[in-house]
Amino acid sequence: MTIKARFLKMTHIFFAILMLIQLLPDKSQKEVCTSSLIVFAIAAEAAVIILSFFIKRKESLSLTLDIFGFIYVFLTVWTLATAKFDLLNDLLFPAPGKVIAQFAEDKTVILTNIKSSVGIIIQGFLLAAVAAIPLGLLIGLNARLGNAASYLTKFFSSIPPIVYIPYGIALLPTFRSVSVFVIFLASFWPIFAGTMSGVLNVDKKIVDSAKVLNVKKPAMLTSVILPASLPQIFLGCNQGLSVSFILLTSAEMIGARDGMGYYVKYYSDFGDYTRTITGLLVIGIVVIAVTFLFNRFQQYLLRWKR
């Protein structure tokens, strides 16, 4: 790509607009921390320029620039509605610079809470995958048993896992173990259903071809049926992962003493909406990051489909 194709983009114009509006006088009566926003925006633009040098595929570069462009537009609108024109209640909706400064101030606590939340997600999700995928493969091999089990799956998956929290608290020693248990239930049924669906819908021609080649049952399961079922398995995994984050945040807001859900609930109880919004944005960023990494892993395992 040419220099023009890499660097003469609307994203950089949006960055310039964001910088120019910082010259407008502040009308908000609260502290807006404009310098924090400027530092963040300059760091983001520096990242854009560096990435523009190294990203070779045009589609990937366009996606990256679009994401940063959206961030600049979002920060511009947010700044105008808060710090510059004071259109929103500055107690409930602090200026973006204030939120960025708050994140910098609380970064140690926030990173500790992120570690706690992501650790619980990983534990519960992996336990569910390890249990659900082999069980789904074995049950799905028998069409009659698989069809019957699908109805049981629909029944149990329709029960919100969060209702098991009181039983978990009564039976398990710590709230962390209760949270892992809830994430396990939230992830197990979608992964189990996806695995069974994948096995039941494997193209019969593929199985017949393997039988003609005298492929043994263990090899049939691991080398033929499992790869052919992976798209449906990952569909179930994605559903389980999405629900897990929602349930974990809800669980942490009920009775946890750490985690991002607890962080948001704790400060909202005290009316500290700067930290509340900071926590909400961090949760969104963490969910996007984990989902992105999982999707990259999925693309790697399904690279044969290309």
Protein backbone atom coordinates (compact mmCIF):
# COMPACT_ATOMS: atom_id res chain seq x y z
CA MET A 1 0.00 0.00 0.00
CA THR A 2 1.10 3.57 -0.69
CA ILE A 3 1.78 6.19 1.97
CA LYS A 4 -1.43 7.94 0.96
CA ALA A 5 -3.47 4.75 1.37
CA ARG A 6 -1.98 4.16 4.81
CA PHE A 7 -2.02 7.59 6.40
CA LEU A 8 -4.49 9.90 4.61
CA LYS A 9 -7.56 8.54 6.34
CA MET A 10 -10.64 9.99 8.04
CA THR A 11 -9.44 8.53 11.32
CA HIS A 12 -6.68 11.15 11.54
CA ILE A 13 -9.18 13.91 10.77
CA PHE A 14 -11.37 12.70 13.64
CA PHE A 15 -8.29 12.81 15.89
CA ALA A 16 -7.60 16.41 14.81
CA ILE A 17 -11.22 17.38 15.54
CA LEU A 18 -10.98 15.81 19.00
CA MET A 19 -7.85 17.84 19.70
CA LEU A 20 -9.33 21.08 18.38
CA ILE A 21 -12.43 20.94 20.57
CA GLN A 22 -10.17 20.84 23.62
CA LEU A 23 -9.51 24.54 22.86
CA LEU A 24 -13.14 25.37 23.63
CA PRO A 25 -13.81 26.73 27.12
CA ASP A 26 -15.15 24.29 29.70
CA LYS A 27 -18.68 24.96 30.97
CA SER A 28 -18.85 22.08 33.42
CA GLN A 29 -18.58 23.05 37.09
CA LYS A 30 -16.77 19.80 37.88
CA GLU A 31 -13.15 18.91 37.22
CA VAL A 32 -12.83 17.58 33.63
CA CYS A 33 -9.14 16.59 33.50
CA THR A 34 -8.63 17.69 29.90
CA SER A 35 -4.92 16.87 30.04
CA SER A 36 -5.70 13.18 30.72
CA LEU A 37 -7.91 13.03 27.64
CA ILE A 38 -5.25 14.71 25.48
CA VAL A 39 -2.56 12.29 26.66
CA PHE A 40 -4.85 9.32 25.98
CA ALA A 41 -5.79 10.58 22.51
CA ILE A 42 -2.15 11.24 21.55
CA ALA A 43 -1.17 7.76 22.75
CA ALA A 44 -4.01 6.25 20.71
CA GLU A 45 -2.99 8.21 17.60
CA ALA A 46 0.62 7.11 18.06
CA ALA A 47 -0.61 3.51 18.20
CA VAL A 48 -2.60 4.07 14.99
CA ILE A 49 0.47 5.42 13.17
CA ILE A 50 2.68 2.55 14.37
CA LEU A 51 0.08 -0.04 13.39
CA SER A 52 -0.31 1.61 9.99
CA PHE A 53 3.37 0.89 9.33
CA PHE A 54 3.19 -2.79 10.26
CA ILE A 55 -0.26 -3.99 9.16
CA LYS A 56 0.09 -5.33 5.64
CA ARG A 57 -3.43 -6.47 4.76
CA LYS A 58 -5.69 -3.68 3.54
CA GLU A 59 -8.78 -5.15 5.22
CA SER A 60 -7.05 -5.41 8.62
CA LEU A 61 -5.74 -1.85 8.37
CA SER A 62 -9.18 -0.52 7.43
CA LEU A 63 -10.76 -2.32 10.38
CA THR A 64 -8.14 -0.96 12.79
CA LEU A 65 -8.58 2.60 11.52
CA ASP A 66 -12.36 2.31 11.71
CA ILE A 67 -12.20 1.18 15.34
CA PHE A 68 -9.95 4.07 16.37
CA GLY A 69 -12.05 6.46 14.31
CA PHE A 70 -15.14 5.37 16.22
CA ILE A 71 -13.28 5.91 19.51
CA TYR A 72 -12.33 9.46 18.48
CA VAL A 73 -15.90 10.29 17.43
CA PHE A 74 -17.27 8.82 20.65
CA LEU A 75 -14.83 10.85 22.78
CA THR A 76 -15.64 13.98 20.78
CA VAL A 77 -19.39 13.66 21.33
CA TRP A 78 -18.87 12.75 24.98
CA THR A 79 -16.60 15.75 25.55
CA LEU A 80 -19.00 18.18 23.86
CA ALA A 81 -21.98 16.87 25.85
CA THR A 82 -20.16 17.08 29.19
CA ALA A 83 -17.12 19.31 29.58
CA LYS A 84 -17.75 21.80 26.78
CA PHE A 85 -21.53 22.38 26.72
CA ASP A 86 -22.60 20.79 30.05
CA LEU A 87 -25.66 19.17 28.46
CA LEU A 88 -25.63 16.18 30.81
CA ASN A 89 -25.74 15.98 34.58
CA ASP A 90 -22.04 16.19 35.47
CA LEU A 91 -22.59 14.09 38.60
CA LEU A 92 -24.00 11.13 36.65
CA PHE A 93 -22.00 11.67 33.47
CA PRO A 94 -18.42 12.83 34.16
CA ALA A 95 -16.24 14.11 31.34
CA PRO A 96 -14.08 11.50 29.53
CA GLY A 97 -10.88 13.06 30.83
CA LYS A 98 -12.11 12.56 34.39
CA VAL A 99 -12.86 8.88 33.71
CA ILE A 100 -9.42 8.35 32.14
CA ALA A 101 -7.76 10.05 35.11
CA GLN A 102 -9.80 7.87 37.47
CA PHE A 103 -8.65 4.74 35.68
CA ALA A 104 -5.02 5.85 36.01
CA GLU A 105 -5.58 6.49 39.74
CA ASP A 106 -7.31 3.14 40.38
CA LYS A 107 -5.35 1.02 37.91
CA THR A 108 -3.91 -1.30 40.58
CA VAL A 109 -7.32 -2.06 42.08
CA ILE A 110 -8.90 -2.39 38.63
CA LEU A 111 -6.22 -4.79 37.39
CA THR A 112 -6.65 -6.90 40.54
CA ASN A 113 -10.40 -7.07 39.96
CA ILE A 114 -9.91 -7.91 36.27
CA LYS A 115 -7.59 -10.74 37.26
CA SER A 116 -10.22 -12.09 39.66
CA SER A 117 -13.08 -11.89 37.14
CA VAL A 118 -11.15 -13.34 34.20
CA GLY A 119 -9.75 -16.10 36.42
CA ILE A 120 -13.26 -17.18 37.41
CA ILE A 121 -14.43 -17.08 33.77
CA ILE A 122 -11.49 -19.20 32.61
CA GLN A 123 -11.94 -21.77 35.41
CA GLY A 124 -15.68 -22.21 34.93
CA PHE A 125 -15.54 -22.14 31.15
CA LEU A 126 -12.69 -24.65 30.83
CA LEU A 127 -14.35 -27.03 33.30
CA ALA A 128 -17.56 -26.81 31.28
CA ALA A 129 -15.74 -27.41 27.98
CA VAL A 130 -13.80 -30.38 29.35
CA ALA A 131 -17.04 -31.95 30.62
CA ALA A 132 -19.46 -30.97 27.83
CA ILE A 133 -17.46 -31.70 24.67
CA PRO A 134 -16.60 -35.38 25.36
CA LEU A 135 -20.10 -36.04 26.73
CA GLY A 136 -21.72 -34.34 23.75
CA LEU A 137 -19.57 -36.36 21.34
CA LEU A 138 -20.44 -39.68 22.96
CA ILE A 139 -24.17 -39.00 23.25
CA GLY A 140 -24.37 -37.44 19.79
CA LEU A 141 -22.99 -40.62 18.21
CA ASN A 142 -26.31 -42.30 18.95
CA ALA A 143 -28.96 -40.41 16.99
CA ARG A 144 -31.86 -41.67 19.13
CA LEU A 145 -30.12 -40.84 22.40
CA GLY A 146 -28.92 -37.51 21.05
CA ASN A 147 -32.39 -36.39 19.97
CA ALA A 148 -33.81 -37.28 23.39
CA ALA A 149 -30.94 -35.51 25.20
CA SER A 150 -31.50 -32.35 23.15
CA TYR A 151 -34.90 -31.88 24.82
CA LEU A 152 -33.37 -32.30 28.27
CA THR A 153 -30.72 -29.76 27.29
CA LYS A 154 -33.39 -27.25 26.29
CA PHE A 155 -35.09 -27.73 29.66
CA PHE A 156 -31.99 -27.26 31.80
CA SER A 157 -30.54 -24.45 29.68
CA SER A 158 -33.81 -22.51 30.07
CA ILE A 159 -33.19 -22.24 33.83
CA PRO A 160 -31.08 -19.12 34.55
CA PRO A 161 -27.89 -20.36 36.27
CA ILE A 162 -27.96 -17.37 38.62
CA VAL A 163 -30.87 -18.98 40.53
CA TYR A 164 -28.43 -21.65 41.70
CA ILE A 165 -26.41 -19.09 43.67
CA PRO A 166 -28.33 -19.66 46.97
CA TYR A 167 -27.69 -23.40 46.69
CA GLY A 168 -24.07 -22.78 45.80
CA ILE A 169 -23.62 -20.53 48.83
CA ALA A 170 -25.13 -23.25 51.05
CA LEU A 171 -23.02 -26.07 49.60
CA LEU A 172 -19.68 -24.52 48.59
CA PRO A 173 -17.05 -23.02 50.92
CA THR A 174 -16.32 -19.67 49.21
CA PHE A 175 -18.12 -17.21 46.97
CA ARG A 176 -15.40 -17.68 44.37
CA SER A 177 -16.23 -21.39 44.13
CA VAL A 178 -19.91 -20.44 43.84
CA SER A 179 -19.05 -18.09 40.96
CA VAL A 180 -17.04 -20.81 39.19
CA PHE A 181 -20.00 -23.17 39.65
CA VAL A 182 -22.40 -20.63 38.10
CA ILE A 183 -20.08 -20.04 35.14
CA PHE A 184 -19.76 -23.80 34.72
CA LEU A 185 -23.55 -24.16 34.47
CA ALA A 186 -23.85 -21.15 32.17
CA SER A 187 -21.26 -22.57 29.77
CA PHE A 188 -21.98 -26.30 30.02
CA TRP A 189 -25.39 -26.45 28.38
CA PRO A 190 -24.64 -24.31 25.29
CA ILE A 191 -21.38 -26.20 24.68
CA PHE A 192 -23.06 -29.56 25.25
CA ALA A 193 -25.95 -28.69 22.92
CA GLY A 194 -23.58 -27.32 20.27
CA THR A 195 -21.42 -30.46 20.41
CA MET A 196 -24.40 -32.80 20.09
CA SER A 197 -25.82 -30.73 17.23
CA GLY A 198 -22.47 -30.84 15.46
CA VAL A 199 -22.19 -34.61 15.78
CA LEU A 200 -25.79 -35.27 14.75
CA ASN A 201 -25.40 -33.08 11.65
CA VAL A 202 -22.07 -34.42 10.38
CA ASP A 203 -22.40 -35.15 6.68
CA LYS A 204 -23.18 -38.86 6.34
CA LYS A 205 -20.95 -39.04 3.26
CA ILE A 206 -17.92 -38.14 5.38
CA VAL A 207 -18.69 -40.90 7.88
CA ASP A 208 -19.37 -43.45 5.13
CA SER A 209 -16.08 -42.57 3.42
CA ALA A 210 -14.22 -43.12 6.68
CA LYS A 211 -15.93 -46.49 7.15
CA VAL A 212 -14.92 -47.53 3.63
CA LEU A 213 -11.32 -46.74 4.59
CA ASN A 214 -11.79 -48.99 7.64
CA VAL A 215 -11.23 -46.18 10.14
CA LYS A 216 -11.58 -47.50 13.70
CA LYS A 217 -14.13 -45.99 16.08
CA PRO A 218 -11.64 -44.05 18.28
CA ALA A 219 -10.00 -42.55 15.19
CA MET A 220 -13.44 -41.91 13.67
CA LEU A 221 -14.40 -39.91 16.75
CA THR A 222 -11.21 -37.84 17.09
CA SER A 223 -10.14 -37.46 13.44
CA VAL A 224 -13.43 -37.34 11.54
CA ILE A 225 -16.44 -36.47 13.71
CA LEU A 226 -14.75 -34.02 16.07
CA PRO A 227 -13.20 -31.81 13.33
CA ALA A 228 -16.47 -31.85 11.36
CA SER A 229 -18.36 -30.82 14.53
CA LEU A 230 -16.01 -27.96 15.49
CA PRO A 231 -18.07 -25.14 13.89
CA GLN A 232 -21.11 -26.08 15.98
CA ILE A 233 -18.97 -26.66 19.07
CA PHE A 234 -17.49 -23.18 18.77
CA LEU A 235 -20.96 -21.74 18.26
CA GLY A 236 -21.96 -23.22 21.61
CA CYS A 237 -18.71 -22.03 23.20
CA ASN A 238 -19.34 -18.47 22.02
CA GLN A 239 -22.85 -18.54 23.48
CA GLY A 240 -21.55 -19.90 26.77
CA LEU A 241 -18.77 -17.31 26.96
CA SER A 242 -21.15 -14.42 26.31
CA VAL A 243 -23.63 -15.57 28.97
CA SER A 244 -20.78 -16.23 31.42
CA PHE A 245 -19.68 -12.59 31.51
CA ILE A 246 -23.24 -11.40 32.12
CA LEU A 247 -23.79 -13.88 34.93
CA LEU A 248 -20.41 -13.30 36.55
CA THR A 249 -20.96 -9.55 36.71
CA SER A 250 -24.42 -10.13 38.21
CA ALA A 251 -23.04 -12.61 40.73
CA GLU A 252 -20.22 -10.27 41.76
CA MET A 253 -22.73 -7.48 42.32
CA ILE A 254 -24.72 -9.73 44.68
CA GLY A 255 -22.15 -10.97 47.15
CA ALA A 256 -18.53 -10.85 45.95
CA ARG A 257 -15.70 -8.93 47.58
CA ASP A 258 -13.68 -8.50 44.41
CA GLY A 259 -14.16 -8.51 40.65
CA MET A 260 -15.35 -5.83 38.26
CA GLY A 261 -19.01 -6.37 39.12
CA TYR A 262 -18.18 -5.71 42.77
CA TYR A 263 -16.17 -2.61 41.81
CA VAL A 264 -19.15 -1.13 39.92
CA LYS A 265 -21.68 -2.02 42.65
CA TYR A 266 -19.52 -0.78 45.52
CA TYR A 267 -18.94 2.69 44.10
CA SER A 268 -22.46 3.09 42.71
CA ASP A 269 -23.78 2.54 46.25
CA PHE A 270 -21.74 5.57 47.31
CA GLY A 271 -22.85 7.65 44.33
CA ASP A 272 -19.35 7.69 42.85
CA TYR A 273 -20.44 7.60 39.21
CA THR A 274 -16.99 8.43 37.87
CA ARG A 275 -15.73 5.10 39.15
CA THR A 276 -18.99 3.41 38.14
CA ILE A 277 -18.60 4.47 34.51
CA THR A 278 -14.89 3.59 34.66
CA GLY A 279 -15.84 0.09 35.78
CA LEU A 280 -18.49 -0.27 33.08
CA LEU A 281 -16.04 0.73 30.35
CA VAL A 282 -13.38 -1.62 31.70
CA ILE A 283 -15.87 -4.52 31.71
CA GLY A 284 -16.68 -3.79 28.08
CA ILE A 285 -13.01 -3.67 27.11
CA VAL A 286 -12.25 -6.94 28.94
CA VAL A 287 -15.19 -8.72 27.29
CA ILE A 288 -14.09 -7.51 23.84
CA ALA A 289 -10.46 -8.55 24.51
CA VAL A 290 -11.37 -12.05 25.73
CA THR A 291 -13.84 -12.54 22.86
CA PHE A 292 -11.24 -11.37 20.33
CA LEU A 293 -8.64 -13.83 21.64
CA PHE A 294 -11.16 -16.66 21.63
CA ASN A 295 -12.21 -15.86 18.07
CA ARG A 296 -8.56 -15.88 16.97
CA PHE A 297 -8.20 -19.32 18.55
CA GLN A 298 -11.36 -20.42 16.75
CA GLN A 299 -10.06 -19.14 13.41
CA TYR A 300 -6.81 -21.01 13.94
CA LEU A 301 -8.54 -24.33 14.62
CA LEU A 302 -10.97 -23.82 11.73
CA ARG A 303 -8.34 -22.60 9.27
CA TRP A 304 -9.04 -25.67 7.11
CA LYS A 305 -12.48 -24.23 6.27
CA ARG A 306 -10.88 -21.40 4.28
